[in-house]
Amino acid sequence: MGKIHVKRGDQVKILHGEDRGKTGKILEVNPKKGQVYVDGMNVQKRHARPTRTNPQGGVVEGPGPIDSSNVALVCPSCNKASRYRRERSASGVTRVCRRCEKAID
């Protein structure tokens, strides 16, 4: 795949799928597969064996992967899903919201 337009810790809005319209925080990014894991979205159940860390075992729920093209970055200043552009400065590259023209990070 290629570069992904969101980073870990970003607030995103889900654009497609069962959780469409919900917002959440990115927990993990997998750039090789082009997927992101969003907190509380695309919850999948998995059966786990009893281990030392989980002595009870049983069914464990956790977030599943979502394709990065199905999420949009939420601007922290205007609280809307928007695209962004990159601007170079002396301190490095910053992301700027296209709606409100304010820096995202």
N, C-alpha and C. Protein backbone atom coordinates (compact mmCIF):
# COMPACT_ATOMS: atom_id res chain seq x y z
N MET A 1 0.86 -1.17 0.00
CA MET A 1 0.00 0.00 0.00
C MET A 1 0.90 1.23 0.00
N GLY A 2 0.48 2.30 0.55
CA GLY A 2 1.27 3.51 0.58
C GLY A 2 1.13 4.23 1.89
N LYS A 3 1.27 5.52 1.83
CA LYS A 3 1.16 6.34 3.02
C LYS A 3 -0.31 6.51 3.41
N ILE A 4 -0.57 6.51 4.70
CA ILE A 4 -1.94 6.67 5.19
C ILE A 4 -2.13 8.09 5.69
N HIS A 5 -3.30 8.65 5.43
CA HIS A 5 -3.55 10.06 5.71
C HIS A 5 -3.88 10.38 7.17
N VAL A 6 -3.94 9.38 8.05
CA VAL A 6 -4.22 9.62 9.46
C VAL A 6 -3.13 8.98 10.32
N LYS A 7 -3.02 9.44 11.56
CA LYS A 7 -2.00 8.94 12.47
C LYS A 7 -2.66 8.37 13.73
N ARG A 8 -1.86 7.65 14.50
CA ARG A 8 -2.36 7.13 15.76
C ARG A 8 -2.70 8.30 16.69
N GLY A 9 -3.86 8.23 17.34
CA GLY A 9 -4.30 9.29 18.24
C GLY A 9 -5.23 10.30 17.59
N ASP A 10 -5.36 10.27 16.26
CA ASP A 10 -6.27 11.18 15.57
C ASP A 10 -7.72 10.81 15.84
N GLN A 11 -8.58 11.81 15.87
CA GLN A 11 -10.03 11.61 15.96
C GLN A 11 -10.54 11.48 14.54
N VAL A 12 -11.28 10.40 14.24
CA VAL A 12 -11.77 10.18 12.88
C VAL A 12 -13.27 9.89 12.89
N LYS A 13 -13.88 10.10 11.74
CA LYS A 13 -15.29 9.77 11.53
C LYS A 13 -15.35 8.63 10.52
N ILE A 14 -16.20 7.64 10.81
CA ILE A 14 -16.35 6.49 9.92
C ILE A 14 -17.29 6.88 8.78
N LEU A 15 -16.85 6.65 7.53
CA LEU A 15 -17.63 7.05 6.36
C LEU A 15 -18.48 5.93 5.79
N HIS A 16 -18.04 4.68 5.92
CA HIS A 16 -18.76 3.55 5.33
C HIS A 16 -18.81 2.40 6.31
N GLY A 17 -19.81 1.55 6.14
CA GLY A 17 -19.91 0.34 6.95
C GLY A 17 -20.96 0.45 8.03
N GLU A 18 -20.94 -0.54 8.92
CA GLU A 18 -21.94 -0.65 9.97
C GLU A 18 -21.88 0.51 10.96
N ASP A 19 -20.70 1.03 11.21
CA ASP A 19 -20.51 2.12 12.18
C ASP A 19 -20.49 3.49 11.53
N ARG A 20 -21.10 3.64 10.35
CA ARG A 20 -21.09 4.90 9.62
C ARG A 20 -21.63 6.05 10.46
N GLY A 21 -20.91 7.17 10.44
CA GLY A 21 -21.33 8.36 11.17
C GLY A 21 -20.77 8.48 12.57
N LYS A 22 -20.21 7.41 13.12
CA LYS A 22 -19.64 7.44 14.46
C LYS A 22 -18.22 7.99 14.41
N THR A 23 -17.77 8.53 15.54
CA THR A 23 -16.41 9.02 15.63
C THR A 23 -15.66 8.26 16.71
N GLY A 24 -14.36 8.17 16.53
CA GLY A 24 -13.52 7.47 17.50
C GLY A 24 -12.06 7.82 17.31
N LYS A 25 -11.26 7.35 18.23
CA LYS A 25 -9.83 7.63 18.23
C LYS A 25 -9.07 6.45 17.63
N ILE A 26 -8.05 6.74 16.82
CA ILE A 26 -7.27 5.69 16.18
C ILE A 26 -6.31 5.08 17.19
N LEU A 27 -6.38 3.75 17.33
CA LEU A 27 -5.51 3.03 18.25
C LEU A 27 -4.24 2.53 17.56
N GLU A 28 -4.39 2.12 16.30
CA GLU A 28 -3.27 1.51 15.59
C GLU A 28 -3.42 1.75 14.10
N VAL A 29 -2.29 1.88 13.40
CA VAL A 29 -2.28 2.07 11.96
C VAL A 29 -1.41 0.99 11.34
N ASN A 30 -1.92 0.34 10.29
CA ASN A 30 -1.17 -0.67 9.57
C ASN A 30 -0.97 -0.19 8.14
N PRO A 31 0.14 0.51 7.84
CA PRO A 31 0.32 1.08 6.51
C PRO A 31 0.53 0.04 5.41
N LYS A 32 1.05 -1.13 5.75
CA LYS A 32 1.27 -2.16 4.72
C LYS A 32 -0.05 -2.66 4.14
N LYS A 33 -1.05 -2.80 4.99
CA LYS A 33 -2.37 -3.26 4.53
C LYS A 33 -3.33 -2.11 4.27
N GLY A 34 -2.95 -0.88 4.68
CA GLY A 34 -3.83 0.26 4.48
C GLY A 34 -5.02 0.26 5.40
N GLN A 35 -4.82 -0.23 6.63
CA GLN A 35 -5.92 -0.35 7.58
C GLN A 35 -5.64 0.41 8.85
N VAL A 36 -6.72 0.78 9.55
CA VAL A 36 -6.62 1.44 10.85
C VAL A 36 -7.53 0.72 11.84
N TYR A 37 -7.20 0.82 13.11
CA TYR A 37 -8.03 0.27 14.18
C TYR A 37 -8.55 1.44 15.00
N VAL A 38 -9.88 1.56 15.07
CA VAL A 38 -10.51 2.68 15.76
C VAL A 38 -11.17 2.16 17.03
N ASP A 39 -10.99 2.89 18.12
CA ASP A 39 -11.49 2.49 19.43
C ASP A 39 -13.02 2.36 19.41
N GLY A 40 -13.52 1.16 19.72
CA GLY A 40 -14.95 0.91 19.82
C GLY A 40 -15.68 0.71 18.50
N MET A 41 -14.96 0.70 17.38
CA MET A 41 -15.60 0.52 16.07
C MET A 41 -15.22 -0.84 15.49
N ASN A 42 -16.12 -1.40 14.69
CA ASN A 42 -15.92 -2.69 14.05
C ASN A 42 -15.50 -3.74 15.08
N VAL A 43 -16.26 -3.84 16.17
CA VAL A 43 -15.92 -4.74 17.27
C VAL A 43 -16.10 -6.19 16.82
N GLN A 44 -15.05 -6.99 17.05
CA GLN A 44 -15.07 -8.39 16.67
C GLN A 44 -14.86 -9.25 17.90
N LYS A 45 -15.51 -10.41 17.93
CA LYS A 45 -15.37 -11.34 19.04
C LYS A 45 -14.39 -12.44 18.65
N ARG A 46 -13.60 -12.85 19.64
CA ARG A 46 -12.60 -13.87 19.40
C ARG A 46 -12.56 -14.77 20.63
N HIS A 47 -12.47 -16.07 20.43
CA HIS A 47 -12.43 -17.03 21.54
C HIS A 47 -10.99 -17.20 21.98
N ALA A 48 -10.75 -16.99 23.28
CA ALA A 48 -9.39 -17.04 23.82
C ALA A 48 -9.26 -18.19 24.81
N ARG A 49 -8.13 -18.85 24.74
CA ARG A 49 -7.81 -19.90 25.69
C ARG A 49 -7.41 -19.30 27.02
N PRO A 50 -7.59 -20.01 28.10
CA PRO A 50 -7.09 -19.51 29.38
C PRO A 50 -5.56 -19.42 29.38
N THR A 51 -5.05 -18.28 29.81
CA THR A 51 -3.60 -18.08 29.91
C THR A 51 -3.30 -17.47 31.27
N ARG A 52 -2.03 -17.18 31.53
CA ARG A 52 -1.69 -16.55 32.82
C ARG A 52 -2.26 -15.14 32.92
N THR A 53 -2.23 -14.42 31.81
CA THR A 53 -2.77 -13.05 31.83
C THR A 53 -4.29 -13.05 31.83
N ASN A 54 -4.91 -14.05 31.22
CA ASN A 54 -6.37 -14.17 31.16
C ASN A 54 -6.76 -15.56 31.64
N PRO A 55 -6.75 -15.80 32.97
CA PRO A 55 -6.98 -17.17 33.47
C PRO A 55 -8.39 -17.71 33.21
N GLN A 56 -9.35 -16.83 33.01
CA GLN A 56 -10.72 -17.26 32.79
C GLN A 56 -10.92 -17.75 31.35
N GLY A 57 -10.23 -17.12 30.39
CA GLY A 57 -10.44 -17.47 28.98
C GLY A 57 -11.77 -16.90 28.51
N GLY A 58 -12.38 -17.51 27.52
CA GLY A 58 -13.70 -17.10 27.07
C GLY A 58 -13.66 -16.22 25.83
N VAL A 59 -14.74 -15.46 25.65
CA VAL A 59 -14.88 -14.62 24.47
C VAL A 59 -14.31 -13.23 24.76
N VAL A 60 -13.41 -12.78 23.90
CA VAL A 60 -12.76 -11.48 24.05
C VAL A 60 -13.19 -10.59 22.90
N GLU A 61 -13.61 -9.36 23.21
CA GLU A 61 -14.02 -8.42 22.18
C GLU A 61 -12.93 -7.39 21.97
N GLY A 62 -12.74 -6.98 20.71
CA GLY A 62 -11.74 -5.97 20.40
C GLY A 62 -12.03 -5.35 19.06
N PRO A 63 -11.41 -4.19 18.78
CA PRO A 63 -11.66 -3.52 17.50
C PRO A 63 -11.03 -4.28 16.34
N GLY A 64 -11.72 -4.30 15.21
CA GLY A 64 -11.21 -4.93 14.01
C GLY A 64 -10.70 -3.87 13.05
N PRO A 65 -10.03 -4.30 11.99
CA PRO A 65 -9.46 -3.33 11.04
C PRO A 65 -10.53 -2.67 10.17
N ILE A 66 -10.29 -1.41 9.83
CA ILE A 66 -11.13 -0.64 8.92
C ILE A 66 -10.20 -0.08 7.85
N ASP A 67 -10.62 -0.13 6.60
CA ASP A 67 -9.78 0.41 5.54
C ASP A 67 -9.62 1.91 5.73
N SER A 68 -8.41 2.40 5.49
CA SER A 68 -8.13 3.81 5.76
C SER A 68 -8.93 4.74 4.85
N SER A 69 -9.39 4.25 3.71
CA SER A 69 -10.18 5.09 2.81
C SER A 69 -11.59 5.31 3.35
N ASN A 70 -11.99 4.55 4.36
CA ASN A 70 -13.33 4.65 4.92
C ASN A 70 -13.39 5.51 6.17
N VAL A 71 -12.31 6.23 6.48
CA VAL A 71 -12.32 7.14 7.62
C VAL A 71 -11.90 8.53 7.17
N ALA A 72 -12.43 9.56 7.85
CA ALA A 72 -12.07 10.95 7.57
C ALA A 72 -11.60 11.60 8.86
N LEU A 73 -10.57 12.39 8.77
CA LEU A 73 -10.02 13.08 9.91
C LEU A 73 -10.99 14.15 10.41
N VAL A 74 -11.18 14.21 11.74
CA VAL A 74 -12.04 15.23 12.35
C VAL A 74 -11.14 16.34 12.87
N CYS A 75 -11.39 17.57 12.40
CA CYS A 75 -10.59 18.72 12.81
C CYS A 75 -10.90 19.04 14.28
N PRO A 76 -9.87 19.19 15.13
CA PRO A 76 -10.13 19.48 16.53
C PRO A 76 -10.72 20.87 16.78
N SER A 77 -10.50 21.83 15.88
CA SER A 77 -11.00 23.18 16.12
C SER A 77 -12.45 23.36 15.63
N CYS A 78 -12.80 22.80 14.47
CA CYS A 78 -14.17 22.98 13.97
C CYS A 78 -15.05 21.75 14.21
N ASN A 79 -14.48 20.65 14.72
CA ASN A 79 -15.21 19.41 15.05
C ASN A 79 -16.01 18.85 13.89
N LYS A 80 -15.50 18.98 12.66
CA LYS A 80 -16.14 18.40 11.50
C LYS A 80 -15.13 17.56 10.73
N ALA A 81 -15.65 16.53 10.06
CA ALA A 81 -14.78 15.71 9.22
C ALA A 81 -14.37 16.53 8.01
N SER A 82 -13.08 16.60 7.76
CA SER A 82 -12.61 17.43 6.65
C SER A 82 -11.31 16.87 6.09
N ARG A 83 -10.98 17.35 4.93
CA ARG A 83 -9.68 17.03 4.35
C ARG A 83 -8.67 18.02 4.90
N TYR A 84 -7.41 17.76 4.64
CA TYR A 84 -6.39 18.68 5.10
C TYR A 84 -5.32 18.81 4.04
N ARG A 85 -4.47 19.81 4.21
CA ARG A 85 -3.31 19.95 3.34
C ARG A 85 -2.07 20.05 4.21
N ARG A 86 -0.94 19.76 3.62
CA ARG A 86 0.31 19.84 4.34
C ARG A 86 1.01 21.14 3.98
N GLU A 87 1.51 21.83 5.01
CA GLU A 87 2.27 23.06 4.79
C GLU A 87 3.64 22.90 5.41
N ARG A 88 4.64 23.31 4.66
CA ARG A 88 6.01 23.25 5.18
C ARG A 88 6.34 24.53 5.89
N SER A 89 7.07 24.39 6.99
CA SER A 89 7.55 25.55 7.73
C SER A 89 8.94 25.21 8.26
N ALA A 90 9.52 26.13 8.99
CA ALA A 90 10.86 25.89 9.52
C ALA A 90 10.87 24.75 10.54
N SER A 91 9.76 24.60 11.27
CA SER A 91 9.68 23.55 12.29
C SER A 91 9.32 22.18 11.71
N GLY A 92 8.94 22.13 10.44
CA GLY A 92 8.58 20.86 9.81
C GLY A 92 7.28 20.97 9.05
N VAL A 93 6.68 19.82 8.77
CA VAL A 93 5.43 19.78 8.02
C VAL A 93 4.26 19.73 9.01
N THR A 94 3.28 20.60 8.81
CA THR A 94 2.08 20.60 9.64
C THR A 94 0.86 20.35 8.77
N ARG A 95 -0.17 19.76 9.37
CA ARG A 95 -1.42 19.52 8.67
C ARG A 95 -2.37 20.68 8.97
N VAL A 96 -3.02 21.20 7.93
CA VAL A 96 -3.92 22.35 8.06
C VAL A 96 -5.29 21.95 7.54
N CYS A 97 -6.33 22.23 8.32
CA CYS A 97 -7.71 21.91 7.95
C CYS A 97 -8.13 22.76 6.76
N ARG A 98 -8.82 22.17 5.80
CA ARG A 98 -9.27 22.91 4.63
C ARG A 98 -10.54 23.71 4.91
N ARG A 99 -11.28 23.35 5.94
CA ARG A 99 -12.51 24.08 6.27
C ARG A 99 -12.23 25.36 7.03
N CYS A 100 -11.46 25.24 8.14
CA CYS A 100 -11.27 26.40 9.01
C CYS A 100 -9.87 27.01 8.90
N GLU A 101 -8.99 26.40 8.11
CA GLU A 101 -7.64 26.93 7.88
C GLU A 101 -6.77 27.00 9.13
N LYS A 102 -7.05 26.14 10.13
CA LYS A 102 -6.24 26.10 11.35
C LYS A 102 -5.40 24.82 11.38
N ALA A 103 -4.27 24.89 12.07
CA ALA A 103 -3.37 23.74 12.16
C ALA A 103 -4.01 22.62 12.97
N ILE A 104 -3.83 21.39 12.49
CA ILE A 104 -4.39 20.24 13.17
C ILE A 104 -3.44 19.72 14.24
N ASP A 105 -2.14 19.70 13.92
CA ASP A 105 -1.18 19.21 14.93
C ASP A 105 0.04 20.09 15.00
